[in-house]
Full PDB file with SEQRES, HELIX, SHEET, SSBOND, CRYST1, ORIGX, SCALE, CONECT and MASTER records, all heavy atoms in Angstrom:
SEQRES   1 A   39  ASP TYR THR ARG GLN TYR GLU HIS VAL CYS ARG ALA ILE          
SEQRES   2 A   39  ILE GLU PHE CYS ILE LEU LYS GLY MET VAL VAL LEU ASP          
SEQRES   3 A   39  GLU LYS LEU GLU ILE VAL PRO MET SER TYR GLU ALA ILE          
HELIX    1 AA1 GLU A    7  LYS A   20  1                                  14    
CRYST1    1.000    1.000    1.000  90.00  90.00  90.00 P 1           1          
ORIGX1      1.000000  0.000000  0.000000        0.00000                         
ORIGX2      0.000000  1.000000  0.000000        0.00000                         
ORIGX3      0.000000  0.000000  1.000000        0.00000                         
SCALE1      1.000000  0.000000  0.000000        0.00000                         
SCALE2      0.000000  1.000000  0.000000        0.00000                         
SCALE3      0.000000  0.000000  1.000000        0.00000                         
ATOM      1  N   ASP A   1    -109.176-212.986  53.254  1.00  0.00           N  
ATOM      2  CA  ASP A   1    -107.739-213.152  53.004  1.00  0.00           C  
ATOM      3  C   ASP A   1    -107.573-214.492  52.307  1.00  0.00           C  
ATOM      4  O   ASP A   1    -107.669-215.545  52.935  1.00  0.00           O  
ATOM      5  CB  ASP A   1    -106.992-213.130  54.339  1.00  0.00           C  
ATOM      6  CG  ASP A   1    -105.499-213.384  54.207  1.00  0.00           C  
ATOM      7  OD1 ASP A   1    -105.035-213.776  53.111  1.00  0.00           O  
ATOM      8  OD2 ASP A   1    -104.804-213.202  55.215  1.00  0.00           O  
ATOM      9  N   TYR A   2    -107.351-214.448  51.002  1.00  0.00           N  
ATOM     10  CA  TYR A   2    -107.299-215.693  50.233  1.00  0.00           C  
ATOM     11  C   TYR A   2    -105.966-216.417  50.350  1.00  0.00           C  
ATOM     12  O   TYR A   2    -105.781-217.468  49.748  1.00  0.00           O  
ATOM     13  CB  TYR A   2    -107.683-215.471  48.768  1.00  0.00           C  
ATOM     14  CG  TYR A   2    -107.003-214.323  48.084  1.00  0.00           C  
ATOM     15  CD1 TYR A   2    -105.698-214.404  47.645  1.00  0.00           C  
ATOM     16  CD2 TYR A   2    -107.694-213.141  47.858  1.00  0.00           C  
ATOM     17  CE1 TYR A   2    -105.087-213.344  47.009  1.00  0.00           C  
ATOM     18  CE2 TYR A   2    -107.103-212.082  47.213  1.00  0.00           C  
ATOM     19  CZ  TYR A   2    -105.801-212.189  46.792  1.00  0.00           C  
ATOM     20  OH  TYR A   2    -105.200-211.129  46.159  1.00  0.00           O  
ATOM     21  N   THR A   3    -105.038-215.899  51.179  1.00  0.00           N  
ATOM     22  CA  THR A   3    -103.790-216.625  51.424  1.00  0.00           C  
ATOM     23  C   THR A   3    -103.908-217.510  52.674  1.00  0.00           C  
ATOM     24  O   THR A   3    -102.977-218.221  53.005  1.00  0.00           O  
ATOM     25  CB  THR A   3    -102.600-215.660  51.612  1.00  0.00           C  
ATOM     26  OG1 THR A   3    -102.800-214.892  52.807  1.00  0.00           O  
ATOM     27  CG2 THR A   3    -102.447-214.751  50.405  1.00  0.00           C  
ATOM     28  N   ARG A   4    -105.031-217.413  53.341  1.00  0.00           N  
ATOM     29  CA  ARG A   4    -105.280-218.207  54.550  1.00  0.00           C  
ATOM     30  C   ARG A   4    -106.556-219.011  54.377  1.00  0.00           C  
ATOM     31  O   ARG A   4    -107.329-218.782  53.465  1.00  0.00           O  
ATOM     32  CB  ARG A   4    -105.432-217.294  55.766  1.00  0.00           C  
ATOM     33  CG  ARG A   4    -104.185-216.517  56.060  1.00  0.00           C  
ATOM     34  CD  ARG A   4    -104.434-215.582  57.212  1.00  0.00           C  
ATOM     35  NE  ARG A   4    -103.274-214.726  57.394  1.00  0.00           N  
ATOM     36  CZ  ARG A   4    -102.544-214.717  58.485  1.00  0.00           C  
ATOM     37  NH1 ARG A   4    -102.836-215.504  59.486  1.00  0.00           N  
ATOM     38  NH2 ARG A   4    -101.517-213.920  58.579  1.00  0.00           N  
ATOM     39  N   GLN A   5    -106.804-219.877  55.306  1.00  0.00           N  
ATOM     40  CA  GLN A   5    -108.033-220.664  55.304  1.00  0.00           C  
ATOM     41  C   GLN A   5    -109.205-219.711  55.553  1.00  0.00           C  
ATOM     42  O   GLN A   5    -109.197-218.976  56.527  1.00  0.00           O  
ATOM     43  CB  GLN A   5    -107.952-221.741  56.384  1.00  0.00           C  
ATOM     44  CG  GLN A   5    -109.173-222.590  56.521  1.00  0.00           C  
ATOM     45  CD  GLN A   5    -109.608-223.264  55.235  1.00  0.00           C  
ATOM     46  OE1 GLN A   5    -110.606-222.871  54.667  1.00  0.00           O  
ATOM     47  NE2 GLN A   5    -108.861-224.247  54.784  1.00  0.00           N  
ATOM     48  N   TYR A   6    -110.190-219.720  54.684  1.00  0.00           N  
ATOM     49  CA  TYR A   6    -111.323-218.813  54.870  1.00  0.00           C  
ATOM     50  C   TYR A   6    -112.688-219.487  54.690  1.00  0.00           C  
ATOM     51  O   TYR A   6    -113.727-218.841  54.837  1.00  0.00           O  
ATOM     52  CB  TYR A   6    -111.218-217.600  53.941  1.00  0.00           C  
ATOM     53  CG  TYR A   6    -111.273-217.912  52.460  1.00  0.00           C  
ATOM     54  CD1 TYR A   6    -112.497-218.000  51.793  1.00  0.00           C  
ATOM     55  CD2 TYR A   6    -110.112-218.096  51.717  1.00  0.00           C  
ATOM     56  CE1 TYR A   6    -112.555-218.265  50.434  1.00  0.00           C  
ATOM     57  CE2 TYR A   6    -110.162-218.360  50.366  1.00  0.00           C  
ATOM     58  CZ  TYR A   6    -111.382-218.436  49.723  1.00  0.00           C  
ATOM     59  OH  TYR A   6    -111.434-218.694  48.381  1.00  0.00           O  
ATOM     60  N   GLU A   7    -112.712-220.755  54.416  1.00  0.00           N  
ATOM     61  CA  GLU A   7    -113.986-221.421  54.146  1.00  0.00           C  
ATOM     62  C   GLU A   7    -114.963-221.300  55.312  1.00  0.00           C  
ATOM     63  O   GLU A   7    -116.134-220.929  55.114  1.00  0.00           O  
ATOM     64  CB  GLU A   7    -113.781-222.890  53.788  1.00  0.00           C  
ATOM     65  CG  GLU A   7    -115.089-223.578  53.460  1.00  0.00           C  
ATOM     66  CD  GLU A   7    -114.923-225.011  52.964  1.00  0.00           C  
ATOM     67  OE1 GLU A   7    -113.777-225.488  52.799  1.00  0.00           O  
ATOM     68  OE2 GLU A   7    -115.968-225.654  52.730  1.00  0.00           O  
ATOM     69  N   HIS A   8    -114.522-221.588  56.526  1.00  0.00           N  
ATOM     70  CA  HIS A   8    -115.415-221.549  57.683  1.00  0.00           C  
ATOM     71  C   HIS A   8    -115.998-220.145  57.879  1.00  0.00           C  
ATOM     72  O   HIS A   8    -117.214-219.979  58.074  1.00  0.00           O  
ATOM     73  CB  HIS A   8    -114.676-221.998  58.952  1.00  0.00           C  
ATOM     74  CG  HIS A   8    -115.467-221.836  60.197  1.00  0.00           C  
ATOM     75  ND1 HIS A   8    -116.556-222.635  60.498  1.00  0.00           N  
ATOM     76  CD2 HIS A   8    -115.369-220.934  61.215  1.00  0.00           C  
ATOM     77  CE1 HIS A   8    -117.082-222.238  61.647  1.00  0.00           C  
ATOM     78  NE2 HIS A   8    -116.378-221.221  62.100  1.00  0.00           N  
ATOM     79  N   VAL A   9    -115.148-219.135  57.827  1.00  0.00           N  
ATOM     80  CA  VAL A   9    -115.589-217.744  58.004  1.00  0.00           C  
ATOM     81  C   VAL A   9    -116.563-217.359  56.899  1.00  0.00           C  
ATOM     82  O   VAL A   9    -117.623-216.783  57.159  1.00  0.00           O  
ATOM     83  CB  VAL A   9    -114.371-216.787  58.006  1.00  0.00           C  
ATOM     84  CG1 VAL A   9    -114.809-215.342  57.910  1.00  0.00           C  
ATOM     85  CG2 VAL A   9    -113.519-217.023  59.231  1.00  0.00           C  
ATOM     86  N   CYS A  10    -116.235-217.693  55.686  1.00  0.00           N  
ATOM     87  CA  CYS A  10    -117.068-217.349  54.541  1.00  0.00           C  
ATOM     88  C   CYS A  10    -118.444-218.007  54.644  1.00  0.00           C  
ATOM     89  O   CYS A  10    -119.482-217.344  54.468  1.00  0.00           O  
ATOM     90  CB  CYS A  10    -116.358-217.758  53.260  1.00  0.00           C  
ATOM     91  SG  CYS A  10    -117.169-217.168  51.762  1.00  0.00           S  
ATOM     92  N   ARG A  11    -118.466-219.284  54.932  1.00  0.00           N  
ATOM     93  CA  ARG A  11    -119.751-219.991  55.058  1.00  0.00           C  
ATOM     94  C   ARG A  11    -120.604-219.398  56.195  1.00  0.00           C  
ATOM     95  O   ARG A  11    -121.815-219.263  56.072  1.00  0.00           O  
ATOM     96  CB  ARG A  11    -119.521-221.481  55.292  1.00  0.00           C  
ATOM     97  CG  ARG A  11    -119.050-222.225  54.044  1.00  0.00           C  
ATOM     98  CD  ARG A  11    -118.976-223.728  54.300  1.00  0.00           C  
ATOM     99  NE  ARG A  11    -118.402-224.442  53.185  1.00  0.00           N  
ATOM    100  CZ  ARG A  11    -119.072-224.810  52.103  1.00  0.00           C  
ATOM    101  NH1 ARG A  11    -120.356-224.508  51.988  1.00  0.00           N  
ATOM    102  NH2 ARG A  11    -118.471-225.468  51.124  1.00  0.00           N  
ATOM    103  N   ALA A  12    -119.960-219.040  57.298  1.00  0.00           N  
ATOM    104  CA  ALA A  12    -120.690-218.479  58.433  1.00  0.00           C  
ATOM    105  C   ALA A  12    -121.270-217.105  58.094  1.00  0.00           C  
ATOM    106  O   ALA A  12    -122.414-216.801  58.458  1.00  0.00           O  
ATOM    107  CB  ALA A  12    -119.767-218.390  59.644  1.00  0.00           C  
ATOM    108  N   ILE A  13    -120.514-216.280  57.400  1.00  0.00           N  
ATOM    109  CA  ILE A  13    -121.020-214.960  57.008  1.00  0.00           C  
ATOM    110  C   ILE A  13    -122.175-215.109  56.019  1.00  0.00           C  
ATOM    111  O   ILE A  13    -123.190-214.416  56.131  1.00  0.00           O  
ATOM    112  CB  ILE A  13    -119.892-214.079  56.432  1.00  0.00           C  
ATOM    113  CG1 ILE A  13    -118.915-213.700  57.550  1.00  0.00           C  
ATOM    114  CG2 ILE A  13    -120.466-212.826  55.760  1.00  0.00           C  
ATOM    115  CD1 ILE A  13    -117.657-212.996  57.082  1.00  0.00           C  
ATOM    116  N   ILE A  14    -122.070-216.029  55.090  1.00  0.00           N  
ATOM    117  CA  ILE A  14    -123.152-216.283  54.136  1.00  0.00           C  
ATOM    118  C   ILE A  14    -124.419-216.699  54.886  1.00  0.00           C  
ATOM    119  O   ILE A  14    -125.505-216.172  54.630  1.00  0.00           O  
ATOM    120  CB  ILE A  14    -122.753-217.360  53.115  1.00  0.00           C  
ATOM    121  CG1 ILE A  14    -121.682-216.832  52.180  1.00  0.00           C  
ATOM    122  CG2 ILE A  14    -123.972-217.850  52.323  1.00  0.00           C  
ATOM    123  CD1 ILE A  14    -120.996-217.910  51.351  1.00  0.00           C  
ATOM    124  N   GLU A  15    -124.279-217.635  55.809  1.00  0.00           N  
ATOM    125  CA  GLU A  15    -125.434-218.102  56.576  1.00  0.00           C  
ATOM    126  C   GLU A  15    -126.049-216.951  57.373  1.00  0.00           C  
ATOM    127  O   GLU A  15    -127.275-216.792  57.413  1.00  0.00           O  
ATOM    128  CB  GLU A  15    -125.026-219.237  57.512  1.00  0.00           C  
ATOM    129  CG  GLU A  15    -126.186-219.794  58.296  1.00  0.00           C  
ATOM    130  CD  GLU A  15    -125.778-220.964  59.186  1.00  0.00           C  
ATOM    131  OE1 GLU A  15    -124.683-221.530  59.009  1.00  0.00           O  
ATOM    132  OE2 GLU A  15    -126.573-221.290  60.082  1.00  0.00           O  
ATOM    133  N   PHE A  16    -125.213-216.147  58.001  1.00  0.00           N  
ATOM    134  CA  PHE A  16    -125.691-214.996  58.764  1.00  0.00           C  
ATOM    135  C   PHE A  16    -126.485-214.056  57.857  1.00  0.00           C  
ATOM    136  O   PHE A  16    -127.581-213.619  58.213  1.00  0.00           O  
ATOM    137  CB  PHE A  16    -124.499-214.257  59.393  1.00  0.00           C  
ATOM    138  CG  PHE A  16    -124.880-213.026  60.159  1.00  0.00           C  
ATOM    139  CD1 PHE A  16    -125.261-213.118  61.478  1.00  0.00           C  
ATOM    140  CD2 PHE A  16    -124.858-211.776  59.552  1.00  0.00           C  
ATOM    141  CE1 PHE A  16    -125.620-211.979  62.200  1.00  0.00           C  
ATOM    142  CE2 PHE A  16    -125.213-210.639  60.252  1.00  0.00           C  
ATOM    143  CZ  PHE A  16    -125.597-210.745  61.579  1.00  0.00           C  
ATOM    144  N   CYS A  17    -125.952-213.762  56.686  1.00  0.00           N  
ATOM    145  CA  CYS A  17    -126.623-212.858  55.749  1.00  0.00           C  
ATOM    146  C   CYS A  17    -127.968-213.423  55.286  1.00  0.00           C  
ATOM    147  O   CYS A  17    -128.956-212.689  55.210  1.00  0.00           O  
ATOM    148  CB  CYS A  17    -125.730-212.569  54.545  1.00  0.00           C  
ATOM    149  SG  CYS A  17    -124.322-211.513  54.944  1.00  0.00           S  
ATOM    150  N   ILE A  18    -128.011-214.692  54.996  1.00  0.00           N  
ATOM    151  CA  ILE A  18    -129.270-215.324  54.578  1.00  0.00           C  
ATOM    152  C   ILE A  18    -130.301-215.205  55.699  1.00  0.00           C  
ATOM    153  O   ILE A  18    -131.441-214.797  55.465  1.00  0.00           O  
ATOM    154  CB  ILE A  18    -129.043-216.796  54.177  1.00  0.00           C  
ATOM    155  CG1 ILE A  18    -128.238-216.874  52.872  1.00  0.00           C  
ATOM    156  CG2 ILE A  18    -130.378-217.525  54.029  1.00  0.00           C  
ATOM    157  CD1 ILE A  18    -127.739-218.266  52.531  1.00  0.00           C  
ATOM    158  N   LEU A  19    -129.898-215.541  56.919  1.00  0.00           N  
ATOM    159  CA  LEU A  19    -130.821-215.509  58.056  1.00  0.00           C  
ATOM    160  C   LEU A  19    -131.308-214.101  58.384  1.00  0.00           C  
ATOM    161  O   LEU A  19    -132.437-213.922  58.845  1.00  0.00           O  
ATOM    162  CB  LEU A  19    -130.170-216.121  59.296  1.00  0.00           C  
ATOM    163  CG  LEU A  19    -129.911-217.621  59.239  1.00  0.00           C  
ATOM    164  CD1 LEU A  19    -129.090-218.076  60.445  1.00  0.00           C  
ATOM    165  CD2 LEU A  19    -131.231-218.391  59.169  1.00  0.00           C  
ATOM    166  N   LYS A  20    -130.476-213.095  58.128  1.00  0.00           N  
ATOM    167  CA  LYS A  20    -130.821-211.715  58.473  1.00  0.00           C  
ATOM    168  C   LYS A  20    -131.380-210.931  57.281  1.00  0.00           C  
ATOM    169  O   LYS A  20    -131.627-209.730  57.389  1.00  0.00           O  
ATOM    170  CB  LYS A  20    -129.597-210.974  59.033  1.00  0.00           C  
ATOM    171  CG  LYS A  20    -128.991-211.618  60.268  1.00  0.00           C  
ATOM    172  CD  LYS A  20    -129.958-211.658  61.424  1.00  0.00           C  
ATOM    173  CE  LYS A  20    -129.311-212.270  62.654  1.00  0.00           C  
ATOM    174  NZ  LYS A  20    -130.213-212.421  63.760  1.00  0.00           N  
ATOM    175  N   GLY A  21    -131.579-211.585  56.132  1.00  0.00           N  
ATOM    176  CA  GLY A  21    -132.171-210.908  54.978  1.00  0.00           C  
ATOM    177  C   GLY A  21    -131.245-209.905  54.318  1.00  0.00           C  
ATOM    178  O   GLY A  21    -131.662-208.810  53.945  1.00  0.00           O  
ATOM    179  N   MET A  22    -129.993-210.281  54.152  1.00  0.00           N  
ATOM    180  CA  MET A  22    -128.996-209.398  53.550  1.00  0.00           C  
ATOM    181  C   MET A  22    -128.442-210.007  52.275  1.00  0.00           C  
ATOM    182  O   MET A  22    -128.530-211.214  52.073  1.00  0.00           O  
ATOM    183  CB  MET A  22    -127.873-209.132  54.548  1.00  0.00           C  
ATOM    184  CG  MET A  22    -128.362-208.431  55.779  1.00  0.00           C  
ATOM    185  SD  MET A  22    -127.038-208.185  56.952  1.00  0.00           S  
ATOM    186  CE  MET A  22    -127.977-207.605  58.340  1.00  0.00           C  
ATOM    187  N   VAL A  23    -127.885-209.148  51.445  1.00  0.00           N  
ATOM    188  CA  VAL A  23    -127.218-209.601  50.228  1.00  0.00           C  
ATOM    189  C   VAL A  23    -125.761-209.173  50.280  1.00  0.00           C  
ATOM    190  O   VAL A  23    -125.398-208.219  50.960  1.00  0.00           O  
ATOM    191  CB  VAL A  23    -127.894-209.056  48.939  1.00  0.00           C  
ATOM    192  CG1 VAL A  23    -129.286-209.607  48.777  1.00  0.00           C  
ATOM    193  CG2 VAL A  23    -127.891-207.546  48.894  1.00  0.00           C  
ATOM    194  N   VAL A  24    -124.942-209.904  49.551  1.00  0.00           N  
ATOM    195  CA  VAL A  24    -123.517-209.633  49.473  1.00  0.00           C  
ATOM    196  C   VAL A  24    -123.222-209.115  48.067  1.00  0.00           C  
ATOM    197  O   VAL A  24    -123.667-209.687  47.077  1.00  0.00           O  
ATOM    198  CB  VAL A  24    -122.700-210.919  49.757  1.00  0.00           C  
ATOM    199  CG1 VAL A  24    -121.220-210.686  49.535  1.00  0.00           C  
ATOM    200  CG2 VAL A  24    -122.973-211.419  51.171  1.00  0.00           C  
ATOM    201  N   LEU A  25    -122.468-208.013  48.007  1.00  0.00           N  
ATOM    202  CA  LEU A  25    -122.062-207.427  46.734  1.00  0.00           C  
ATOM    203  C   LEU A  25    -120.562-207.592  46.563  1.00  0.00           C  
ATOM    204  O   LEU A  25    -119.796-207.412  47.513  1.00  0.00           O  
ATOM    205  CB  LEU A  25    -122.413-205.932  46.688  1.00  0.00           C  
ATOM    206  CG  LEU A  25    -123.856-205.554  46.995  1.00  0.00           C  
ATOM    207  CD1 LEU A  25    -124.014-204.035  46.993  1.00  0.00           C  
ATOM    208  CD2 LEU A  25    -124.804-206.193  46.009  1.00  0.00           C  
ATOM    209  N   ASP A  26    -120.146-207.913  45.347  1.00  0.00           N  
ATOM    210  CA  ASP A  26    -118.717-208.055  45.085  1.00  0.00           C  
ATOM    211  C   ASP A  26    -118.095-206.682  44.823  1.00  0.00           C  
ATOM    212  O   ASP A  26    -118.759-205.648  44.959  1.00  0.00           O  
ATOM    213  CB  ASP A  26    -118.462-209.037  43.943  1.00  0.00           C  
ATOM    214  CG  ASP A  26    -118.986-208.563  42.590  1.00  0.00           C  
ATOM    215  OD1 ASP A  26    -119.336-207.369  42.428  1.00  0.00           O  
ATOM    216  OD2 ASP A  26    -119.056-209.398  41.675  1.00  0.00           O  
ATOM    217  N   GLU A  27    -116.840-206.660  44.413  1.00  0.00           N  
ATOM    218  CA  GLU A  27    -116.147-205.397  44.180  1.00  0.00           C  
ATOM    219  C   GLU A  27    -116.661-204.656  42.952  1.00  0.00           C  
ATOM    220  O   GLU A  27    -116.374-203.477  42.773  1.00  0.00           O  
ATOM    221  CB  GLU A  27    -114.637-205.625  44.108  1.00  0.00           C  
ATOM    222  CG  GLU A  27    -114.084-206.015  45.474  1.00  0.00           C  
ATOM    223  CD  GLU A  27    -112.587-206.221  45.498  1.00  0.00           C  
ATOM    224  OE1 GLU A  27    -111.947-206.258  44.427  1.00  0.00           O  
ATOM    225  OE2 GLU A  27    -112.048-206.363  46.611  1.00  0.00           O  
ATOM    226  N   LYS A  28    -117.442-205.338  42.122  1.00  0.00           N  
ATOM    227  CA  LYS A  28    -118.088-204.684  40.976  1.00  0.00           C  
ATOM    228  C   LYS A  28    -119.518-204.271  41.327  1.00  0.00           C  
ATOM    229  O   LYS A  28    -120.267-203.838  40.471  1.00  0.00           O  
ATOM    230  CB  LYS A  28    -118.096-205.629  39.776  1.00  0.00           C  
ATOM    231  CG  LYS A  28    -116.705-205.942  39.266  1.00  0.00           C  
ATOM    232  CD  LYS A  28    -116.755-206.940  38.138  1.00  0.00           C  
ATOM    233  CE  LYS A  28    -115.345-207.312  37.726  1.00  0.00           C  
ATOM    234  NZ  LYS A  28    -115.335-208.433  36.776  1.00  0.00           N  
ATOM    235  N   LEU A  29    -119.880-204.443  42.593  1.00  0.00           N  
ATOM    236  CA  LEU A  29    -121.187-204.090  43.146  1.00  0.00           C  
ATOM    237  C   LEU A  29    -122.318-204.909  42.548  1.00  0.00           C  
ATOM    238  O   LEU A  29    -123.449-204.441  42.413  1.00  0.00           O  
ATOM    239  CB  LEU A  29    -121.457-202.591  43.000  1.00  0.00           C  
ATOM    240  CG  LEU A  29    -120.387-201.691  43.634  1.00  0.00           C  
ATOM    241  CD1 LEU A  29    -120.709-200.237  43.398  1.00  0.00           C  
ATOM    242  CD2 LEU A  29    -120.239-201.995  45.120  1.00  0.00           C  
ATOM    243  N   GLU A  30    -122.012-206.150  42.230  1.00  0.00           N  
ATOM    244  CA  GLU A  30    -123.018-207.092  41.746  1.00  0.00           C  
ATOM    245  C   GLU A  30    -123.325-208.089  42.857  1.00  0.00           C  
ATOM    246  O   GLU A  30    -122.451-208.462  43.632  1.00  0.00           O  
ATOM    247  CB  GLU A  30    -122.497-207.816  40.507  1.00  0.00           C  
ATOM    248  CG  GLU A  30    -122.257-206.872  39.334  1.00  0.00           C  
ATOM    249  CD  GLU A  30    -121.613-207.547  38.138  1.00  0.00           C  
ATOM    250  OE1 GLU A  30    -121.338-208.766  38.191  1.00  0.00           O  
ATOM    251  OE2 GLU A  30    -121.368-206.848  37.154  1.00  0.00           O  
ATOM    252  N   ILE A  31    -124.588-208.515  42.907  1.00  0.00           N  
ATOM    253  CA  ILE A  31    -124.974-209.492  43.926  1.00  0.00           C  
ATOM    254  C   ILE A  31    -124.225-210.795  43.696  1.00  0.00           C  
ATOM    255  O   ILE A  31    -124.127-211.284  42.574  1.00  0.00           O  
ATOM    256  CB  ILE A  31    -126.493-209.743  43.913  1.00  0.00           C  
ATOM    257  CG1 ILE A  31    -127.223-208.531  44.466  1.00  0.00           C  
ATOM    258  CG2 ILE A  31    -126.843-210.965  44.738  1.00  0.00           C  
ATOM    259  CD1 ILE A  31    -128.711-208.716  44.600  1.00  0.00           C  
ATOM    260  N   VAL A  32    -123.703-211.333  44.786  1.00  0.00           N  
ATOM    261  CA  VAL A  32    -122.965-212.588  44.760  1.00  0.00           C  
ATOM    262  C   VAL A  32    -123.916-213.716  45.162  1.00  0.00           C  
ATOM    263  O   VAL A  32    -124.645-213.580  46.135  1.00  0.00           O  
ATOM    264  CB  VAL A  32    -121.782-212.524  45.760  1.00  0.00           C  
ATOM    265  CG1 VAL A  32    -121.048-213.838  45.833  1.00  0.00           C  
ATOM    266  CG2 VAL A  32    -120.838-211.391  45.401  1.00  0.00           C  
ATOM    267  N   PRO A  33    -123.916-214.813  44.419  1.00  0.00           N  
ATOM    268  CA  PRO A  33    -124.726-215.959  44.875  1.00  0.00           C  
ATOM    269  C   PRO A  33    -124.285-216.361  46.279  1.00  0.00           C  
ATOM    270  O   PRO A  33    -123.102-216.345  46.606  1.00  0.00           O  
ATOM    271  CB  PRO A  33    -124.388-217.062  43.858  1.00  0.00           C  
ATOM    272  CG  PRO A  33    -123.932-216.314  42.642  1.00  0.00           C  
ATOM    273  CD  PRO A  33    -123.228-215.088  43.157  1.00  0.00           C  
ATOM    274  N   MET A  34    -125.245-216.702  47.099  1.00  0.00           N  
ATOM    275  CA  MET A  34    -124.966-216.998  48.502  1.00  0.00           C  
ATOM    276  C   MET A  34    -124.475-218.430  48.682  1.00  0.00           C  
ATOM    277  O   MET A  34    -125.144-219.273  49.285  1.00  0.00           O  
ATOM    278  CB  MET A  34    -126.206-216.743  49.345  1.00  0.00           C  
ATOM    279  CG  MET A  34    -126.643-215.290  49.326  1.00  0.00           C  
ATOM    280  SD  MET A  34    -125.413-214.193  50.005  1.00  0.00           S  
ATOM    281  CE  MET A  34    -126.269-213.643  51.441  1.00  0.00           C  
ATOM    282  N   SER A  35    -123.272-218.686  48.166  1.00  0.00           N  
ATOM    283  CA  SER A  35    -122.642-219.990  48.363  1.00  0.00           C  
ATOM    284  C   SER A  35    -121.131-219.797  48.444  1.00  0.00           C  
ATOM    285  O   SER A  35    -120.566-218.922  47.782  1.00  0.00           O  
ATOM    286  CB  SER A  35    -122.989-220.950  47.224  1.00  0.00           C  
ATOM    287  OG  SER A  35    -122.237-220.671  46.074  1.00  0.00           O  
ATOM    288  N   TYR A  36    -120.518-220.632  49.243  1.00  0.00           N  
ATOM    289  CA  TYR A  36    -119.065-220.585  49.385  1.00  0.00           C  
ATOM    290  C   TYR A  36    -118.386-220.818  48.037  1.00  0.00           C  
ATOM    291  O   TYR A  36    -117.425-220.130  47.683  1.00  0.00           O  
ATOM    292  CB  TYR A  36    -118.596-221.618  50.413  1.00  0.00           C  
ATOM    293  CG  TYR A  36    -117.106-221.832  50.363  1.00  0.00           C  
ATOM    294  CD1 TYR A  36    -116.243-220.855  50.866  1.00  0.00           C  
ATOM    295  CD2 TYR A  36    -116.555-222.978  49.804  1.00  0.00           C  
ATOM    296  CE1 TYR A  36    -114.872-221.021  50.801  1.00  0.00           C  
ATOM    297  CE2 TYR A  36    -115.178-223.148  49.749  1.00  0.00           C  
ATOM    298  CZ  TYR A  36    -114.345-222.172  50.247  1.00  0.00           C  
ATOM    299  OH  TYR A  36    -112.989-222.336  50.174  1.00  0.00           O  
ATOM    300  N   GLU A  37    -118.886-221.773  47.274  1.00  0.00           N  
ATOM    301  CA  GLU A  37    -118.278-222.114  45.990  1.00  0.00           C  
ATOM    302  C   GLU A  37    -118.285-220.920  45.041  1.00  0.00           C  
ATOM    303  O   GLU A  37    -117.309-220.672  44.330  1.00  0.00           O  
ATOM    304  CB  GLU A  37    -118.988-223.311  45.367  1.00  0.00           C  
ATOM    305  CG  GLU A  37    -118.782-224.626  46.114  1.00  0.00           C  
ATOM    306  CD  GLU A  37    -119.580-224.752  47.418  1.00  0.00           C  
ATOM    307  OE1 GLU A  37    -120.551-223.980  47.634  1.00  0.00           O  
ATOM    308  OE2 GLU A  37    -119.215-225.625  48.223  1.00  0.00           O  
ATOM    309  N   ALA A  38    -119.392-220.150  45.025  1.00  0.00           N  
ATOM    310  CA  ALA A  38    -119.483-218.976  44.154  1.00  0.00           C  
ATOM    311  C   ALA A  38    -118.487-217.901  44.588  1.00  0.00           C  
ATOM    312  O   ALA A  38    -117.818-217.289  43.750  1.00  0.00           O  
ATOM    313  CB  ALA A  38    -120.902-218.421  44.159  1.00  0.00           C  
ATOM    314  N   ILE A  39    -118.380-217.697  45.889  1.00  0.00           N  
ATOM    315  CA  ILE A  39    -117.446-216.681  46.392  1.00  0.00           C  
ATOM    316  C   ILE A  39    -116.006-217.116  46.140  1.00  0.00           C  
ATOM    317  O   ILE A  39    -115.167-216.323  45.707  1.00  0.00           O  
ATOM    318  CB  ILE A  39    -117.713-216.379  47.874  1.00  0.00           C  
ATOM    319  CG1 ILE A  39    -119.026-215.590  47.978  1.00  0.00           C  
ATOM    320  CG2 ILE A  39    -116.549-215.646  48.521  1.00  0.00           C  
ATOM    321  CD1 ILE A  39    -119.458-215.247  49.374  1.00  0.00           C  
TER     322      ILE A  39                                                      
MASTER        0    0    0    1    0    0    0    6  321    1    0    3          
END                                                                             
């Protein structure tokens, strides 16, 4: 929800995905770099 504070949640999900060997795909189904700034 980009109308609210989301940095903490976003960073935590990224860290979780890195630790568990997962990738994040955007709405165009492309891999997203695993950083808060990129997201």
